[in-house]
Each structure stands twice: as structure tokens, then as C-alpha cells.
Amino acid sequence: MTTFACTLAGGALLATAPGLASAAAPTQVRDVEIKAAYIYNFAQFTSWPEARTRAPLSVCADRASVLWPALLAYNGKPAGGRAWLVADAAAHPQAAGCDILVLGRSADAVSSPGVLVVRDGLGGAPAAITLVDDDEQLRFDVDTREAARSGLRVSSKLLRLARNVL
């Protein structure tokens, strides 16, 4: 699996991956890995309630999702001072124990204290962050009201890069 280095530099969220620029890399795989890199970076620029910052960062996703393997590639890496740990969302009813819940386009969102809901695509119930394929580029929208309902704060650095901020 390709290793990503994602940074916030010069006002842009940068995702780089050695070897990804080669013509042999399938577009869908690259898109999935870039989405996972964005989600990893969202964790870097989100503040959770103090009580949650002592445990690993639990990232819950559907095991059948195309994002699952790309999210797993970050297991054990530090994210906002916490170790990234991917878990099966099915094992966490109502997102209990999740810090980030990654949902597909049509999945129902769960509003739960301390949970950053990230939706892959427009549609369905509101999410704090929605990944949007816009004009062949990956962008994202941030709903600060949804984040605040969960007791989360999104960094102004991340908000400046968002396509839309609600």
C-alpha cells in the first residue's frame, strides 16, 4: 500500500504518494487513497473533548467500503497526538467508541457526542465534513453546526480550505 504524506502548506491540503503519479496506478485506487489521506488530515485539524484525547483515535468505517483498506494503511500512525485505529462500524452501534465515523453517500448519519461524521459524497443526513468530487477534484464541505453539536471544533486552517463552510 502506498504511503501518503499529507500536509497543510501554502493554503492547500497536499496529498502526495510515492509512485502514485505512474500511469499504471488505477484512478479509483488513487482516489480512494487520497480520500483516506484527507480523512487522516481532518483528524489533525479537529479538536475533541479533553476526555477523549487520552485514548487511540478510533476511526469507524464499513468493512465493505472501498475506503476500508486505505484507512487501515494509517493504523498506528499518530493523528493529532493519538494513535489512529480503524474499527468496523458495524461493531459500534450508534457510533459508540468512535471518534471518526466514515459514512458512504447514502448511509444514515449518527449524531453522537465526540464523533466527527465524515460522509463520502453528497446525500443522506448531514455530516460535519462531506467529501465532494467537484470538477474532477476532491474537495470538502464543513458543517460547523454539526461539528459543534458533537462537541468538536474544526481548525480555522481547515475551514479556509473547505469548498463550503456552513
C-alpha atoms as a PDB file:
ATOM      1  CA  MET A   1       0.000   0.000   0.000  1.00  0.00           C
ATOM      2  CA  THR A   2       1.245   3.461  -0.833  1.00  0.00           C
ATOM      3  CA  THR A   3       2.345   5.731   1.989  1.00  0.00           C
ATOM      4  CA  PHE A   4       0.939   9.251   1.959  1.00  0.00           C
ATOM      5  CA  ALA A   5       2.355  12.434   3.319  1.00  0.00           C
ATOM      6  CA  CYS A   6      -0.393  14.981   3.698  1.00  0.00           C
ATOM      7  CA  THR A   7       0.258  18.472   4.879  1.00  0.00           C
ATOM      8  CA  LEU A   8      -1.324  21.828   5.049  1.00  0.00           C
ATOM      9  CA  ALA A   9       1.007  24.126   3.125  1.00  0.00           C
ATOM     10  CA  GLY A  10       0.574  27.412   1.359  1.00  0.00           C
ATOM     11  CA  GLY A  11      -3.183  27.317   1.902  1.00  0.00           C
ATOM     12  CA  ALA A  12      -3.666  23.924   0.277  1.00  0.00           C
ATOM     13  CA  LEU A  13      -4.168  20.421   1.565  1.00  0.00           C
ATOM     14  CA  LEU A  14      -1.468  18.412  -0.152  1.00  0.00           C
ATOM     15  CA  ALA A  15      -1.548  14.659  -0.567  1.00  0.00           C
ATOM     16  CA  THR A  16       1.497  13.003  -2.038  1.00  0.00           C
ATOM     17  CA  ALA A  17       2.229   9.393  -2.582  1.00  0.00           C
ATOM     18  CA  PRO A  18       5.407   7.906  -3.994  1.00  0.00           C
ATOM     19  CA  GLY A  19       4.666   6.093  -7.217  1.00  0.00           C
ATOM     20  CA  LEU A  20       1.101   7.305  -7.434  1.00  0.00           C
ATOM     21  CA  ALA A  21       1.825   9.507 -10.410  1.00  0.00           C
ATOM     22  CA  SER A  22       2.624   6.499 -12.579  1.00  0.00           C
ATOM     23  CA  ALA A  23       0.201   5.741 -15.378  1.00  0.00           C
ATOM     24  CA  ALA A  24      -0.183   2.187 -14.072  1.00  0.00           C
ATOM     25  CA  ALA A  25      -1.990   3.318 -10.909  1.00  0.00           C
ATOM     26  CA  PRO A  26      -5.741   2.878 -11.358  1.00  0.00           C
ATOM     27  CA  THR A  27      -7.690   6.103 -10.917  1.00  0.00           C
ATOM     28  CA  GLN A  28     -10.149   4.609  -8.421  1.00  0.00           C
ATOM     29  CA  VAL A  29      -7.368   3.335  -6.154  1.00  0.00           C
ATOM     30  CA  ARG A  30      -5.688   6.739  -6.243  1.00  0.00           C
ATOM     31  CA  ASP A  31      -8.989   8.493  -5.455  1.00  0.00           C
ATOM     32  CA  VAL A  32      -9.669   6.166  -2.517  1.00  0.00           C
ATOM     33  CA  GLU A  33      -6.178   6.674  -1.102  1.00  0.00           C
ATOM     34  CA  ILE A  34      -6.484  10.445  -1.455  1.00  0.00           C
ATOM     35  CA  LYS A  35      -9.846  10.382   0.339  1.00  0.00           C
ATOM     36  CA  ALA A  36      -8.287   8.396   3.184  1.00  0.00           C
ATOM     37  CA  ALA A  37      -5.441  10.933   3.330  1.00  0.00           C
ATOM     38  CA  TYR A  38      -7.971  13.755   3.602  1.00  0.00           C
ATOM     39  CA  ILE A  39      -9.773  11.964   6.439  1.00  0.00           C
ATOM     40  CA  TYR A  40      -6.432  11.429   8.197  1.00  0.00           C
ATOM     41  CA  ASN A  41      -5.767  15.162   7.885  1.00  0.00           C
ATOM     42  CA  PHE A  42      -9.236  16.057   9.159  1.00  0.00           C
ATOM     43  CA  ALA A  43      -8.217  14.323  12.389  1.00  0.00           C
ATOM     44  CA  GLN A  44      -5.127  16.537  12.590  1.00  0.00           C
ATOM     45  CA  PHE A  45      -7.252  19.702  12.417  1.00  0.00           C
ATOM     46  CA  THR A  46     -10.142  18.712  14.698  1.00  0.00           C
ATOM     47  CA  SER A  47     -10.278  19.156  18.470  1.00  0.00           C
ATOM     48  CA  TRP A  48     -12.123  16.571  20.549  1.00  0.00           C
ATOM     49  CA  PRO A  49     -13.353  16.949  24.141  1.00  0.00           C
ATOM     50  CA  GLU A  50     -10.478  16.537  26.598  1.00  0.00           C
ATOM     51  CA  ALA A  51     -11.809  13.228  27.968  1.00  0.00           C
ATOM     52  CA  ARG A  52     -11.444  11.580  24.539  1.00  0.00           C
ATOM     53  CA  THR A  53      -7.864  12.686  23.873  1.00  0.00           C
ATOM     54  CA  ARG A  54      -6.256  10.051  26.090  1.00  0.00           C
ATOM     55  CA  ALA A  55      -7.254   7.011  24.035  1.00  0.00           C
ATOM     56  CA  PRO A  56      -6.363   5.975  20.479  1.00  0.00           C
ATOM     57  CA  LEU A  57      -8.275   7.783  17.728  1.00  0.00           C
ATOM     58  CA  SER A  58     -10.954   5.276  16.759  1.00  0.00           C
ATOM     59  CA  VAL A  59     -11.944   5.583  13.087  1.00  0.00           C
ATOM     60  CA  CYS A  60     -15.088   3.578  12.357  1.00  0.00           C
ATOM     61  CA  ALA A  61     -15.964   2.612   8.793  1.00  0.00           C
ATOM     62  CA  ASP A  62     -17.902  -0.059   6.964  1.00  0.00           C
ATOM     63  CA  ARG A  63     -15.632  -3.037   6.291  1.00  0.00           C
ATOM     64  CA  ALA A  64     -17.219  -3.392   2.843  1.00  0.00           C
ATOM     65  CA  SER A  65     -16.401   0.214   1.938  1.00  0.00           C
ATOM     66  CA  VAL A  66     -13.815   0.841  -0.783  1.00  0.00           C
ATOM     67  CA  LEU A  67     -12.153   3.188   1.744  1.00  0.00           C
ATOM     68  CA  TRP A  68     -11.527   0.410   4.299  1.00  0.00           C
ATOM     69  CA  PRO A  69      -8.075  -0.746   3.059  1.00  0.00           C
ATOM     70  CA  ALA A  70      -6.849   2.817   2.573  1.00  0.00           C
ATOM     71  CA  LEU A  71      -7.967   3.804   6.077  1.00  0.00           C
ATOM     72  CA  LEU A  72      -6.273   0.687   7.503  1.00  0.00           C
ATOM     73  CA  ALA A  73      -2.980   1.872   5.998  1.00  0.00           C
ATOM     74  CA  TYR A  74      -2.883   4.578   8.691  1.00  0.00           C
ATOM     75  CA  ASN A  75      -3.283   2.188  11.641  1.00  0.00           C
ATOM     76  CA  GLY A  76      -0.841   3.080  14.408  1.00  0.00           C
ATOM     77  CA  LYS A  77       0.185   6.406  12.868  1.00  0.00           C
ATOM     78  CA  PRO A  78      -0.135   9.467  15.103  1.00  0.00           C
ATOM     79  CA  ALA A  79      -3.124  11.672  14.334  1.00  0.00           C
ATOM     80  CA  GLY A  80      -3.426  14.753  16.476  1.00  0.00           C
ATOM     81  CA  GLY A  81      -1.231  13.174  19.141  1.00  0.00           C
ATOM     82  CA  ARG A  82      -3.263   9.942  19.217  1.00  0.00           C
ATOM     83  CA  ALA A  83      -2.701   6.599  17.518  1.00  0.00           C
ATOM     84  CA  TRP A  84      -5.027   6.038  14.524  1.00  0.00           C
ATOM     85  CA  LEU A  85      -7.054   2.833  14.911  1.00  0.00           C
ATOM     86  CA  VAL A  86      -9.599   1.647  12.312  1.00  0.00           C
ATOM     87  CA  ALA A  87     -12.609  -0.295  13.571  1.00  0.00           C
ATOM     88  CA  ASP A  88     -15.626  -1.890  11.907  1.00  0.00           C
ATOM     89  CA  ALA A  89     -18.587   0.492  12.249  1.00  0.00           C
ATOM     90  CA  ALA A  90     -20.953  -2.493  12.497  1.00  0.00           C
ATOM     91  CA  ALA A  91     -19.332  -3.406  15.821  1.00  0.00           C
ATOM     92  CA  HIS A  92     -20.076   0.096  17.186  1.00  0.00           C
ATOM     93  CA  PRO A  93     -23.851   0.668  17.281  1.00  0.00           C
ATOM     94  CA  GLN A  94     -24.759   4.366  17.331  1.00  0.00           C
ATOM     95  CA  ALA A  95     -21.017   5.093  16.856  1.00  0.00           C
ATOM     96  CA  ALA A  96     -20.262   4.199  20.491  1.00  0.00           C
ATOM     97  CA  GLY A  97     -16.495   4.369  20.975  1.00  0.00           C
ATOM     98  CA  CYS A  98     -15.859   6.037  17.608  1.00  0.00           C
ATOM     99  CA  ASP A  99     -14.036   9.346  17.238  1.00  0.00           C
ATOM    100  CA  ILE A 100     -14.492   9.497  13.464  1.00  0.00           C
ATOM    101  CA  LEU A 101     -17.361   7.789  11.670  1.00  0.00           C
ATOM    102  CA  VAL A 102     -16.828   7.439   7.907  1.00  0.00           C
ATOM    103  CA  LEU A 103     -20.082   7.017   6.014  1.00  0.00           C
ATOM    104  CA  GLY A 104     -20.959   6.311   2.423  1.00  0.00           C
ATOM    105  CA  ARG A 105     -23.176   8.586   0.377  1.00  0.00           C
ATOM    106  CA  SER A 106     -26.484   7.022   1.418  1.00  0.00           C
ATOM    107  CA  ALA A 107     -25.745   5.791   4.940  1.00  0.00           C
ATOM    108  CA  ASP A 108     -27.620   7.392   7.816  1.00  0.00           C
ATOM    109  CA  ALA A 109     -25.556   9.724   9.952  1.00  0.00           C
ATOM    110  CA  VAL A 110     -25.367   9.287  13.682  1.00  0.00           C
ATOM    111  CA  SER A 111     -25.137  12.391  15.814  1.00  0.00           C
ATOM    112  CA  SER A 112     -23.213  11.411  18.895  1.00  0.00           C
ATOM    113  CA  PRO A 113     -21.090  13.441  21.311  1.00  0.00           C
ATOM    114  CA  GLY A 114     -17.412  13.426  20.374  1.00  0.00           C
ATOM    115  CA  VAL A 115     -17.918  11.809  16.948  1.00  0.00           C
ATOM    116  CA  LEU A 116     -16.724  13.511  13.765  1.00  0.00           C
ATOM    117  CA  VAL A 117     -19.009  12.269  10.989  1.00  0.00           C
ATOM    118  CA  VAL A 118     -17.338  12.284   7.563  1.00  0.00           C
ATOM    119  CA  ARG A 119     -19.514  11.439   4.571  1.00  0.00           C
ATOM    120  CA  ASP A 120     -18.043  10.269   1.269  1.00  0.00           C
ATOM    121  CA  GLY A 121     -20.304  12.106  -1.173  1.00  0.00           C
ATOM    122  CA  LEU A 122     -23.309  14.381  -1.090  1.00  0.00           C
ATOM    123  CA  GLY A 123     -26.632  12.981   0.062  1.00  0.00           C
ATOM    124  CA  GLY A 124     -28.146  11.499   3.153  1.00  0.00           C
ATOM    125  CA  ALA A 125     -28.280  13.102   6.577  1.00  0.00           C
ATOM    126  CA  PRO A 126     -25.937  15.982   7.433  1.00  0.00           C
ATOM    127  CA  ALA A 127     -22.318  15.294   8.359  1.00  0.00           C
ATOM    128  CA  ALA A 128     -19.681  17.537   9.907  1.00  0.00           C
ATOM    129  CA  ILE A 129     -17.469  17.011   6.842  1.00  0.00           C
ATOM    130  CA  THR A 130     -18.565  15.879   3.407  1.00  0.00           C
ATOM    131  CA  LEU A 131     -16.103  14.771   0.717  1.00  0.00           C
ATOM    132  CA  VAL A 132     -17.196  16.058  -2.687  1.00  0.00           C
ATOM    133  CA  ASP A 133     -15.936  15.098  -6.142  1.00  0.00           C
ATOM    134  CA  ASP A 134     -16.106  18.519  -7.803  1.00  0.00           C
ATOM    135  CA  ASP A 135     -14.951  19.125 -11.350  1.00  0.00           C
ATOM    136  CA  GLU A 136     -12.597  16.107 -11.213  1.00  0.00           C
ATOM    137  CA  GLN A 137     -11.046  17.364  -7.974  1.00  0.00           C
ATOM    138  CA  LEU A 138     -11.635  16.195  -4.432  1.00  0.00           C
ATOM    139  CA  ARG A 139     -12.994  18.949  -2.231  1.00  0.00           C
ATOM    140  CA  PHE A 140     -14.836  19.020   1.061  1.00  0.00           C
ATOM    141  CA  ASP A 141     -17.595  20.917   2.827  1.00  0.00           C
ATOM    142  CA  VAL A 142     -17.586  21.572   6.576  1.00  0.00           C
ATOM    143  CA  ASP A 143     -20.760  21.972   8.607  1.00  0.00           C
ATOM    144  CA  THR A 144     -19.538  23.693  11.758  1.00  0.00           C
ATOM    145  CA  ARG A 145     -23.006  23.362  13.329  1.00  0.00           C
ATOM    146  CA  GLU A 146     -22.843  19.565  13.046  1.00  0.00           C
ATOM    147  CA  ALA A 147     -19.330  19.575  14.483  1.00  0.00           C
ATOM    148  CA  ALA A 148     -20.431  21.794  17.376  1.00  0.00           C
ATOM    149  CA  ARG A 149     -23.432  19.505  18.092  1.00  0.00           C
ATOM    150  CA  SER A 150     -20.907  16.735  18.619  1.00  0.00           C
ATOM    151  CA  GLY A 151     -18.728  18.919  20.856  1.00  0.00           C
ATOM    152  CA  LEU A 152     -15.959  19.215  18.243  1.00  0.00           C
ATOM    153  CA  ARG A 153     -14.044  22.199  16.951  1.00  0.00           C
ATOM    154  CA  VAL A 154     -12.611  22.314  13.436  1.00  0.00           C
ATOM    155  CA  SER A 155      -9.456  24.393  12.984  1.00  0.00           C
ATOM    156  CA  SER A 156      -9.720  27.648  11.058  1.00  0.00           C
ATOM    157  CA  LYS A 157      -6.846  26.354   8.889  1.00  0.00           C
ATOM    158  CA  LEU A 158      -9.065  23.525   7.671  1.00  0.00           C
ATOM    159  CA  LEU A 159     -12.083  25.810   7.282  1.00  0.00           C
ATOM    160  CA  ARG A 160     -10.130  28.085   4.931  1.00  0.00           C
ATOM    161  CA  LEU A 161      -9.571  25.120   2.584  1.00  0.00           C
ATOM    162  CA  ALA A 162     -13.181  23.957   2.554  1.00  0.00           C
ATOM    163  CA  ARG A 163     -15.291  24.424  -0.550  1.00  0.00           C
ATOM    164  CA  ASN A 164     -18.241  25.482   1.644  1.00  0.00           C
ATOM    165  CA  VAL A 165     -18.468  26.244   5.358  1.00  0.00           C
ATOM    166  CA  LEU A 166     -21.880  26.154   6.981  1.00  0.00           C
END
